[in-house]
C-alpha atoms as a PDB file:
ATOM      1  CA  MET A   1      74.998  87.485  68.683  1.00  0.00           C
ATOM      2  CA  LYS A   2      78.605  86.687  67.779  1.00  0.00           C
ATOM      3  CA  ASP A   3      77.829  87.123  64.054  1.00  0.00           C
ATOM      4  CA  ILE A   4      76.467  90.613  64.659  1.00  0.00           C
ATOM      5  CA  CYS A   5      79.444  91.494  66.846  1.00  0.00           C
ATOM      6  CA  ALA A   6      81.824  90.210  64.180  1.00  0.00           C
ATOM      7  CA  VAL A   7      80.254  92.370  61.453  1.00  0.00           C
ATOM      8  CA  ASN A   8      80.235  95.471  63.648  1.00  0.00           C
ATOM      9  CA  PHE A   9      83.583  94.769  65.330  1.00  0.00           C
ATOM     10  CA  VAL A  10      85.454  97.634  63.670  1.00  0.00           C
ATOM     11  CA  ASN A  11      83.110 100.121  65.396  1.00  0.00           C
ATOM     12  CA  LEU A  12      83.792  98.850  68.944  1.00  0.00           C
ATOM     13  CA  PRO A  13      85.653 101.562  70.907  1.00  0.00           C
ATOM     14  CA  PHE A  14      87.478  99.050  73.114  1.00  0.00           C
ATOM     15  CA  ARG A  15      88.867  96.793  70.355  1.00  0.00           C
ATOM     16  CA  GLY A  16      92.344  98.351  70.580  1.00  0.00           C
ATOM     17  CA  THR A  17      94.445  97.057  67.672  1.00  0.00           C
ATOM     18  CA  CYS A  18      92.461  93.825  67.287  1.00  0.00           C
ATOM     19  CA  VAL A  19      91.067  93.357  63.768  1.00  0.00           C
ATOM     20  CA  SER A  20      88.320  90.797  64.485  1.00  0.00           C
ATOM     21  CA  ILE A  21      86.374  89.365  67.385  1.00  0.00           C
ATOM     22  CA  ASP A  22      88.408  86.140  67.130  1.00  0.00           C
ATOM     23  CA  ASP A  23      91.585  88.212  67.308  1.00  0.00           C
ATOM     24  CA  PHE A  24      90.120  90.015  70.343  1.00  0.00           C
ATOM     25  CA  ASP A  25      89.308  86.707  72.063  1.00  0.00           C
ATOM     26  CA  ASP A  26      92.792  85.326  71.413  1.00  0.00           C
ATOM     27  CA  PHE A  27      94.527  88.484  72.597  1.00  0.00           C
ATOM     28  CA  TYR A  28      92.617  88.704  75.888  1.00  0.00           C
ATOM     29  CA  GLY A  29      92.326  84.969  76.486  1.00  0.00           C
ATOM     30  CA  TYR A  30      88.553  84.635  76.160  1.00  0.00           C
ATOM     31  CA  ALA A  31      87.525  81.058  75.404  1.00  0.00           C
ATOM     32  CA  PHE A  32      84.021  80.531  76.697  1.00  0.00           C
ATOM     33  CA  GLU A  33      82.441  77.110  76.161  1.00  0.00           C
ATOM     34  CA  LYS A  34      78.797  76.303  75.511  1.00  0.00           C
ATOM     35  CA  VAL A  35      78.930  73.783  78.351  1.00  0.00           C
ATOM     36  CA  PRO A  36      82.006  74.689  80.459  1.00  0.00           C
ATOM     37  CA  SER A  37      83.762  71.749  82.085  1.00  0.00           C
ATOM     38  CA  ALA A  38      84.724  73.871  85.098  1.00  0.00           C
ATOM     39  CA  PHE A  39      82.087  76.402  86.083  1.00  0.00           C
ATOM     40  CA  ASN A  40      82.251  78.797  89.015  1.00  0.00           C
ATOM     41  CA  LEU A  41      81.096  82.268  89.999  1.00  0.00           C
ATOM     42  CA  ASP A  42      84.150  84.004  88.511  1.00  0.00           C
ATOM     43  CA  TYR A  43      83.509  82.278  85.171  1.00  0.00           C
ATOM     44  CA  LEU A  44      79.908  83.482  85.190  1.00  0.00           C
ATOM     45  CA  VAL A  45      80.887  87.066  86.038  1.00  0.00           C
ATOM     46  CA  SER A  46      83.604  87.080  83.377  1.00  0.00           C
ATOM     47  CA  PHE A  47      81.171  85.876  80.709  1.00  0.00           C
ATOM     48  CA  CYS A  48      78.585  88.444  81.806  1.00  0.00           C
ATOM     49  CA  GLU A  49      81.159  91.242  81.491  1.00  0.00           C
ATOM     50  CA  TYR A  50      82.366  90.061  78.101  1.00  0.00           C
ATOM     51  CA  SER A  51      78.924  89.622  76.555  1.00  0.00           C
ATOM     52  CA  TYR A  52      77.374  92.665  78.258  1.00  0.00           C
ATOM     53  CA  ASN A  53      79.964  95.094  76.872  1.00  0.00           C
ATOM     54  CA  LEU A  54      79.632  93.608  73.388  1.00  0.00           C
ATOM     55  CA  ALA A  55      75.838  93.785  73.556  1.00  0.00           C
ATOM     56  CA  ILE A  56      75.859  97.404  74.752  1.00  0.00           C
ATOM     57  CA  TYR A  57      77.844  98.548  71.720  1.00  0.00           C
ATOM     58  CA  ASN A  58      75.909  96.401  69.236  1.00  0.00           C
ATOM     59  CA  GLN A  59      72.388  97.526  70.048  1.00  0.00           C
ATOM     60  CA  GLY A  60      70.625  98.574  66.861  1.00  0.00           C
ATOM     61  CA  PHE A  61      72.909  96.686  64.445  1.00  0.00           C
ATOM     62  CA  GLY A  62      71.938  93.857  62.113  1.00  0.00           C
ATOM     63  CA  TYR A  63      74.102  91.834  59.762  1.00  0.00           C
ATOM     64  CA  GLY A  64      76.266  94.548  58.314  1.00  0.00           C
ATOM     65  CA  MET A  65      73.915  97.526  58.667  1.00  0.00           C
ATOM     66  CA  PRO A  66      71.487  99.112  61.133  1.00  0.00           C
ATOM     67  CA  LEU A  67      68.024  97.590  60.921  1.00  0.00           C
ATOM     68  CA  ILE A  68      64.768  98.766  62.470  1.00  0.00           C
ATOM     69  CA  GLY A  69      64.087  96.659  65.547  1.00  0.00           C
ATOM     70  CA  ALA A  70      67.353  94.737  65.254  1.00  0.00           C
ATOM     71  CA  GLY A  71      68.522  96.159  68.575  1.00  0.00           C
ATOM     72  CA  GLN A  72      65.756  94.496  70.563  1.00  0.00           C
ATOM     73  CA  PRO A  73      67.537  91.140  71.109  1.00  0.00           C
ATOM     74  CA  MET A  74      70.654  92.970  72.342  1.00  0.00           C
ATOM     75  CA  GLN A  75      68.572  95.154  74.636  1.00  0.00           C
ATOM     76  CA  PHE A  76      66.882  92.071  76.032  1.00  0.00           C
ATOM     77  CA  TYR A  77      70.274  90.442  76.573  1.00  0.00           C
ATOM     78  CA  VAL A  78      71.589  93.504  78.435  1.00  0.00           C
ATOM     79  CA  GLN A  79      68.543  93.420  80.716  1.00  0.00           C
ATOM     80  CA  GLN A  80      69.004  89.700  81.302  1.00  0.00           C
ATOM     81  CA  VAL A  81      72.640  90.119  82.337  1.00  0.00           C
ATOM     82  CA  ILE A  82      71.656  92.829  84.816  1.00  0.00           C
ATOM     83  CA  LYS A  83      69.012  90.508  86.298  1.00  0.00           C
ATOM     84  CA  VAL A  84      71.562  87.711  86.699  1.00  0.00           C
ATOM     85  CA  ILE A  85      74.154  90.037  88.208  1.00  0.00           C
ATOM     86  CA  ASP A  86      71.649  91.458  90.664  1.00  0.00           C
ATOM     87  CA  SER A  87      70.443  87.990  91.671  1.00  0.00           C
ATOM     88  CA  ILE A  88      73.977  86.917  92.703  1.00  0.00           C
ATOM     89  CA  GLY A  89      74.528  90.066  94.771  1.00  0.00           C
ATOM     90  CA  TYR A  90      76.759  91.908  92.296  1.00  0.00           C
ATOM     91  CA  MET A  91      76.566  95.395  90.793  1.00  0.00           C
ATOM     92  CA  ALA A  92      77.828  97.247  87.718  1.00  0.00           C
ATOM     93  CA  ASN A  93      80.983  99.366  87.963  1.00  0.00           C
ATOM     94  CA  SER A  94      81.686 101.484  84.873  1.00  0.00           C
ATOM     95  CA  GLN A  95      84.566 103.673  83.729  1.00  0.00           C
ATOM     96  CA  ASP A  96      85.546 105.001  80.302  1.00  0.00           C
ATOM     97  CA  GLY A  97      82.633 103.215  78.650  1.00  0.00           C
ATOM     98  CA  ILE A  98      83.567  99.756  79.979  1.00  0.00           C
ATOM     99  CA  THR A  99      81.513  97.926  82.602  1.00  0.00           C
ATOM    100  CA  ASP A 100      82.628  95.241  85.013  1.00  0.00           C
ATOM    101  CA  PHE A 101      80.683  93.591  87.827  1.00  0.00           C
ATOM    102  CA  VAL A 102      81.696  93.470  91.479  1.00  0.00           C
ATOM    103  CA  PRO A 103      80.125  92.175  94.705  1.00  0.00           C
ATOM    104  CA  LYS A 104      77.848  94.662  96.442  1.00  0.00           C
ATOM    105  CA  ASP A 105      79.754  96.034  99.439  1.00  0.00           C
ATOM    106  CA  GLN A 106      77.714  98.649 101.261  1.00  0.00           C
ATOM    107  CA  ALA A 107      80.730 100.230 102.929  1.00  0.00           C
ATOM    108  CA  ALA A 108      82.552 100.506  99.598  1.00  0.00           C
ATOM    109  CA  ILE A 109      79.447 101.929  97.921  1.00  0.00           C
ATOM    110  CA  SER A 110      78.993 104.506 100.679  1.00  0.00           C
ATOM    111  CA  VAL A 111      82.611 105.631 100.503  1.00  0.00           C
ATOM    112  CA  ALA A 112      82.569 105.741  96.692  1.00  0.00           C
ATOM    113  CA  GLU A 113      79.716 108.233  96.944  1.00  0.00           C
ATOM    114  CA  ILE A 114      81.639 110.694  99.136  1.00  0.00           C
ATOM    115  CA  VAL A 115      85.175 110.618  97.688  1.00  0.00           C
ATOM    116  CA  ASP A 116      86.659 112.177  94.563  1.00  0.00           C
ATOM    117  CA  PRO A 117      85.036 110.585  91.465  1.00  0.00           C
ATOM    118  CA  THR A 118      88.487 109.604  90.176  1.00  0.00           C
ATOM    119  CA  LEU A 119      88.909 107.382  93.238  1.00  0.00           C
ATOM    120  CA  SER A 120      85.388 105.966  93.483  1.00  0.00           C
ATOM    121  CA  TYR A 121      85.880 103.475  90.630  1.00  0.00           C
ATOM    122  CA  ARG A 122      89.052 102.080  92.230  1.00  0.00           C
ATOM    123  CA  ILE A 123      87.334 101.661  95.584  1.00  0.00           C
ATOM    124  CA  ILE A 124      84.629  99.521  93.985  1.00  0.00           C
ATOM    125  CA  GLU A 125      87.112  97.751  91.681  1.00  0.00           C
ATOM    126  CA  TYR A 126      89.066  96.396  94.668  1.00  0.00           C
ATOM    127  CA  ASN A 127      86.368  93.728  95.128  1.00  0.00           C
ATOM    128  CA  HIS A 128      86.521  92.538  91.500  1.00  0.00           C
ATOM    129  CA  TYR A 129      87.397  88.858  91.060  1.00  0.00           C
ATOM    130  CA  SER A 130      90.396  89.716  88.864  1.00  0.00           C
ATOM    131  CA  MET A 131      92.019  91.440  91.865  1.00  0.00           C
ATOM    132  CA  LYS A 132      92.259  88.202  93.828  1.00  0.00           C
ATOM    133  CA  GLY A 133      95.925  87.339  94.315  1.00  0.00           C
ATOM    134  CA  ASP A 134      97.110  90.469  92.492  1.00  0.00           C
ATOM    135  CA  LEU A 135      99.079  92.135  95.274  1.00  0.00           C
ATOM    136  CA  GLU A 136     100.447  94.934  93.089  1.00  0.00           C
ATOM    137  CA  ARG A 137      97.010  96.078  91.933  1.00  0.00           C
ATOM    138  CA  LYS A 138      95.630  95.905  95.453  1.00  0.00           C
ATOM    139  CA  LYS A 139      98.640  97.809  96.749  1.00  0.00           C
ATOM    140  CA  ALA A 140      98.081 100.531  94.138  1.00  0.00           C
ATOM    141  CA  VAL A 141      94.505 101.033  95.383  1.00  0.00           C
ATOM    142  CA  LEU A 142      95.666 101.186  98.999  1.00  0.00           C
ATOM    143  CA  VAL A 143      98.348 103.748  98.144  1.00  0.00           C
ATOM    144  CA  ALA A 144      95.707 105.902  96.446  1.00  0.00           C
ATOM    145  CA  LEU A 145      93.443 105.642  99.510  1.00  0.00           C
ATOM    146  CA  ALA A 146      96.341 106.460 101.822  1.00  0.00           C
ATOM    147  CA  ASP A 147      97.203 109.556  99.793  1.00  0.00           C
ATOM    148  CA  LYS A 148      93.634 110.817 100.195  1.00  0.00           C
ATOM    149  CA  LEU A 149      93.606 110.091 103.930  1.00  0.00           C
ATOM    150  CA  GLU A 150      97.026 111.587 104.703  1.00  0.00           C
ATOM    151  CA  PRO A 151      95.841 115.258 104.724  1.00  0.00           C
ATOM    152  CA  LYS A 152      93.016 114.209 107.081  1.00  0.00           C
ATOM    153  CA  LYS A 153      95.235 112.232 109.421  1.00  0.00           C
ATOM    154  CA  ALA A 154      95.096 114.758 112.289  1.00  0.00           C
ATOM    155  CA  LYS A 155      91.310 115.000 112.076  1.00  0.00           C
ATOM    156  CA  LEU A 156      90.963 111.218 112.015  1.00  0.00           C
ATOM    157  CA  LYS A 157      93.197 110.996 115.088  1.00  0.00           C
ATOM    158  CA  GLN A 158      90.834 113.291 116.980  1.00  0.00           C
ATOM    159  CA  ILE A 159      87.828 111.237 115.941  1.00  0.00           C
ATOM    160  CA  ASN A 160      89.275 107.745 116.397  1.00  0.00           C
ATOM    161  CA  ASN A 161      92.816 107.703 117.727  1.00  0.00           C
ATOM    162  CA  SER A 162      93.088 103.907 117.726  1.00  0.00           C
ATOM    163  CA  LEU A 163      91.956 103.557 114.095  1.00  0.00           C
ATOM    164  CA  GLU A 164      94.324 106.312 112.929  1.00  0.00           C
ATOM    165  CA  ALA A 165      97.301 104.760 114.742  1.00  0.00           C
ATOM    166  CA  ASP A 166      96.653 101.208 113.542  1.00  0.00           C
ATOM    167  CA  LEU A 167      95.823 102.188 109.973  1.00  0.00           C
ATOM    168  CA  PHE A 168      98.867 104.333 109.327  1.00  0.00           C
ATOM    169  CA  TYR A 169     101.143 101.858 111.105  1.00  0.00           C
ATOM    170  CA  LEU A 170      99.984  99.149 108.707  1.00  0.00           C
ATOM    171  CA  LEU A 171     100.205 101.423 105.666  1.00  0.00           C
ATOM    172  CA  ASN A 172     103.819 102.220 106.542  1.00  0.00           C
ATOM    173  CA  ASN A 173     104.972  98.769 107.656  1.00  0.00           C
ATOM    174  CA  VAL A 174     103.304  96.116 105.478  1.00  0.00           C
ATOM    175  CA  ASN A 175     105.024  96.922 102.179  1.00  0.00           C
ATOM    176  CA  ILE A 176     102.466  99.435 100.930  1.00  0.00           C
ATOM    177  CA  ARG A 177     103.744 102.998 101.206  1.00  0.00           C
ATOM    178  CA  HIS A 178     107.333 101.921 101.839  1.00  0.00           C
ATOM    179  CA  ASN A 179     109.391  99.037 100.511  1.00  0.00           C
ATOM    180  CA  ASN A 180     109.580  96.778 103.547  1.00  0.00           C
ATOM    181  CA  ALA A 181     110.548  93.651 101.607  1.00  0.00           C
ATOM    182  CA  ASP A 182     113.925  94.417  99.994  1.00  0.00           C
ATOM    183  CA  GLN A 183     116.819  93.505 102.231  1.00  0.00           C
ATOM    184  CA  GLY A 184     119.259  96.358 102.616  1.00  0.00           C
ATOM    185  CA  GLY A 185     116.657  99.070 102.145  1.00  0.00           C
ATOM    186  CA  LYS A 186     116.143 101.632 104.898  1.00  0.00           C
ATOM    187  CA  ASN A 187     112.560 100.426 105.471  1.00  0.00           C
ATOM    188  CA  TYR A 188     113.334  96.691 105.415  1.00  0.00           C
ATOM    189  CA  ILE A 189     111.373  94.583 107.903  1.00  0.00           C
ATOM    190  CA  GLN A 190     112.421  90.940 107.957  1.00  0.00           C
ATOM    191  CA  PHE A 191     109.118  89.660 109.342  1.00  0.00           C
ATOM    192  CA  VAL A 192     107.175  91.381 106.548  1.00  0.00           C
ATOM    193  CA  ALA A 193     109.645  90.208 103.893  1.00  0.00           C
ATOM    194  CA  ASN A 194     109.123  86.597 105.027  1.00  0.00           C
ATOM    195  CA  MET A 195     105.316  86.745 104.995  1.00  0.00           C
ATOM    196  CA  LYS A 196     103.483  84.439 102.597  1.00  0.00           C
ATOM    197  CA  ASP A 197     101.625  86.151  99.765  1.00  0.00           C
ATOM    198  CA  SER A 198      98.328  84.841 101.115  1.00  0.00           C
ATOM    199  CA  ASP A 199      99.021  86.491 104.486  1.00  0.00           C
ATOM    200  CA  VAL A 200     100.035  89.749 102.816  1.00  0.00           C
ATOM    201  CA  GLU A 201      96.823  89.724 100.781  1.00  0.00           C
ATOM    202  CA  GLN A 202      94.733  89.172 103.901  1.00  0.00           C
ATOM    203  CA  TRP A 203      96.391  92.172 105.523  1.00  0.00           C
ATOM    204  CA  TYR A 204      95.790  94.226 102.393  1.00  0.00           C
ATOM    205  CA  ASP A 205      92.111  93.320 102.518  1.00  0.00           C
ATOM    206  CA  ASP A 206      91.956  94.259 106.208  1.00  0.00           C
ATOM    207  CA  ILE A 207      93.672  97.581 105.522  1.00  0.00           C
ATOM    208  CA  TYR A 208      91.220  98.255 102.692  1.00  0.00           C
ATOM    209  CA  GLN A 209      88.304  97.803 105.105  1.00  0.00           C
ATOM    210  CA  MET A 210      90.035 100.054 107.648  1.00  0.00           C
ATOM    211  CA  CYS A 211      90.447 102.750 104.990  1.00  0.00           C
ATOM    212  CA  LEU A 212      86.732 102.553 104.224  1.00  0.00           C
ATOM    213  CA  LEU A 213      85.955 102.888 107.922  1.00  0.00           C
ATOM    214  CA  ALA A 214      88.260 105.922 108.150  1.00  0.00           C
ATOM    215  CA  PHE A 215      86.443 107.689 105.314  1.00  0.00           C
ATOM    216  CA  LEU A 216      83.080 106.925 106.911  1.00  0.00           C
ATOM    217  CA  GLU A 217      84.290 108.165 110.315  1.00  0.00           C
ATOM    218  CA  LEU A 218      85.445 111.425 108.752  1.00  0.00           C
ATOM    219  CA  ASP A 219      82.158 111.835 106.894  1.00  0.00           C
ATOM    220  CA  HIS A 220      80.178 111.184 110.072  1.00  0.00           C
ATOM    221  CA  ALA A 221      82.211 113.790 111.976  1.00  0.00           C
ATOM    222  CA  ASP A 222      80.883 116.489 109.647  1.00  0.00           C
ATOM    223  CA  ARG A 223      77.382 115.085 109.958  1.00  0.00           C
ATOM    224  CA  LYS A 224      77.706 114.988 113.751  1.00  0.00           C
ATOM    225  CA  VAL A 225      78.305 118.752 113.848  1.00  0.00           C
ATOM    226  CA  ARG A 226      75.113 119.357 111.858  1.00  0.00           C
ATOM    227  CA  VAL A 227      73.166 117.008 114.128  1.00  0.00           C
ATOM    228  CA  LYS A 228      74.402 118.914 117.189  1.00  0.00           C
ATOM    229  CA  ARG A 229      73.236 122.206 115.687  1.00  0.00           C
ATOM    230  CA  LEU A 230      69.846 120.727 114.847  1.00  0.00           C
ATOM    231  CA  LYS A 231      69.415 119.437 118.394  1.00  0.00           C
ATOM    232  CA  GLU A 232      70.298 122.851 119.802  1.00  0.00           C
ATOM    233  CA  ASP A 233      67.792 124.578 117.496  1.00  0.00           C
ATOM    234  CA  ILE A 234      65.052 122.112 118.428  1.00  0.00           C
ATOM    235  CA  GLN A 235      65.723 122.579 122.149  1.00  0.00           C
ATOM    236  CA  LYS A 236      65.628 126.377 121.813  1.00  0.00           C
ATOM    237  CA  ILE A 237      62.297 126.488 120.035  1.00  0.00           C
ATOM    238  CA  GLY A 238      60.773 123.453 121.662  1.00  0.00           C
END
């Protein structure tokens, strides 16, 4: 598989400025071992992503030129990766021709289906293993979610006053929408500035789940109106 990828490397749309697959591996830090000394779920998912994207773009290529039937091994490999990913409770998340794999989160999936397509990928991406410990990337997702919820704040307050109050308090006071960590700033909060990164990340994860709940509450409010009308129509006709 690596030989085929090496021959066809110049045609890969995601190679950037890398000139060979070895150059690509060095640049991005890929160093998979035949028998890894330290193996965990993140390692498996990373290898699946790496090999899956290479296989997708090398279907139908042989050693240096397209060959009839040469794509079959790559197609089989793609199917095998999907089977493995599904068996561990993960799912594909694709954008701009690149696929990564994230844990299946029904709430995230449901919200991704009802929001702007430009935001759906980021909602799913939040659960990717590479986001663990990356407070800036997680914060960026939360800011994007907050921006989408802000125009619906009044409606959310009518539906669930407690959720609206807690959610926007956290968004404004846990170093997400405002800089609460820099001493001397107008939004500085000493308690927040002194929080450990692990505690901040836990709050970010909680806020993410609250944002998902807010979107689902708003979506259900519209559905609730339609249900009420249906009930009235049924009662009229009998």
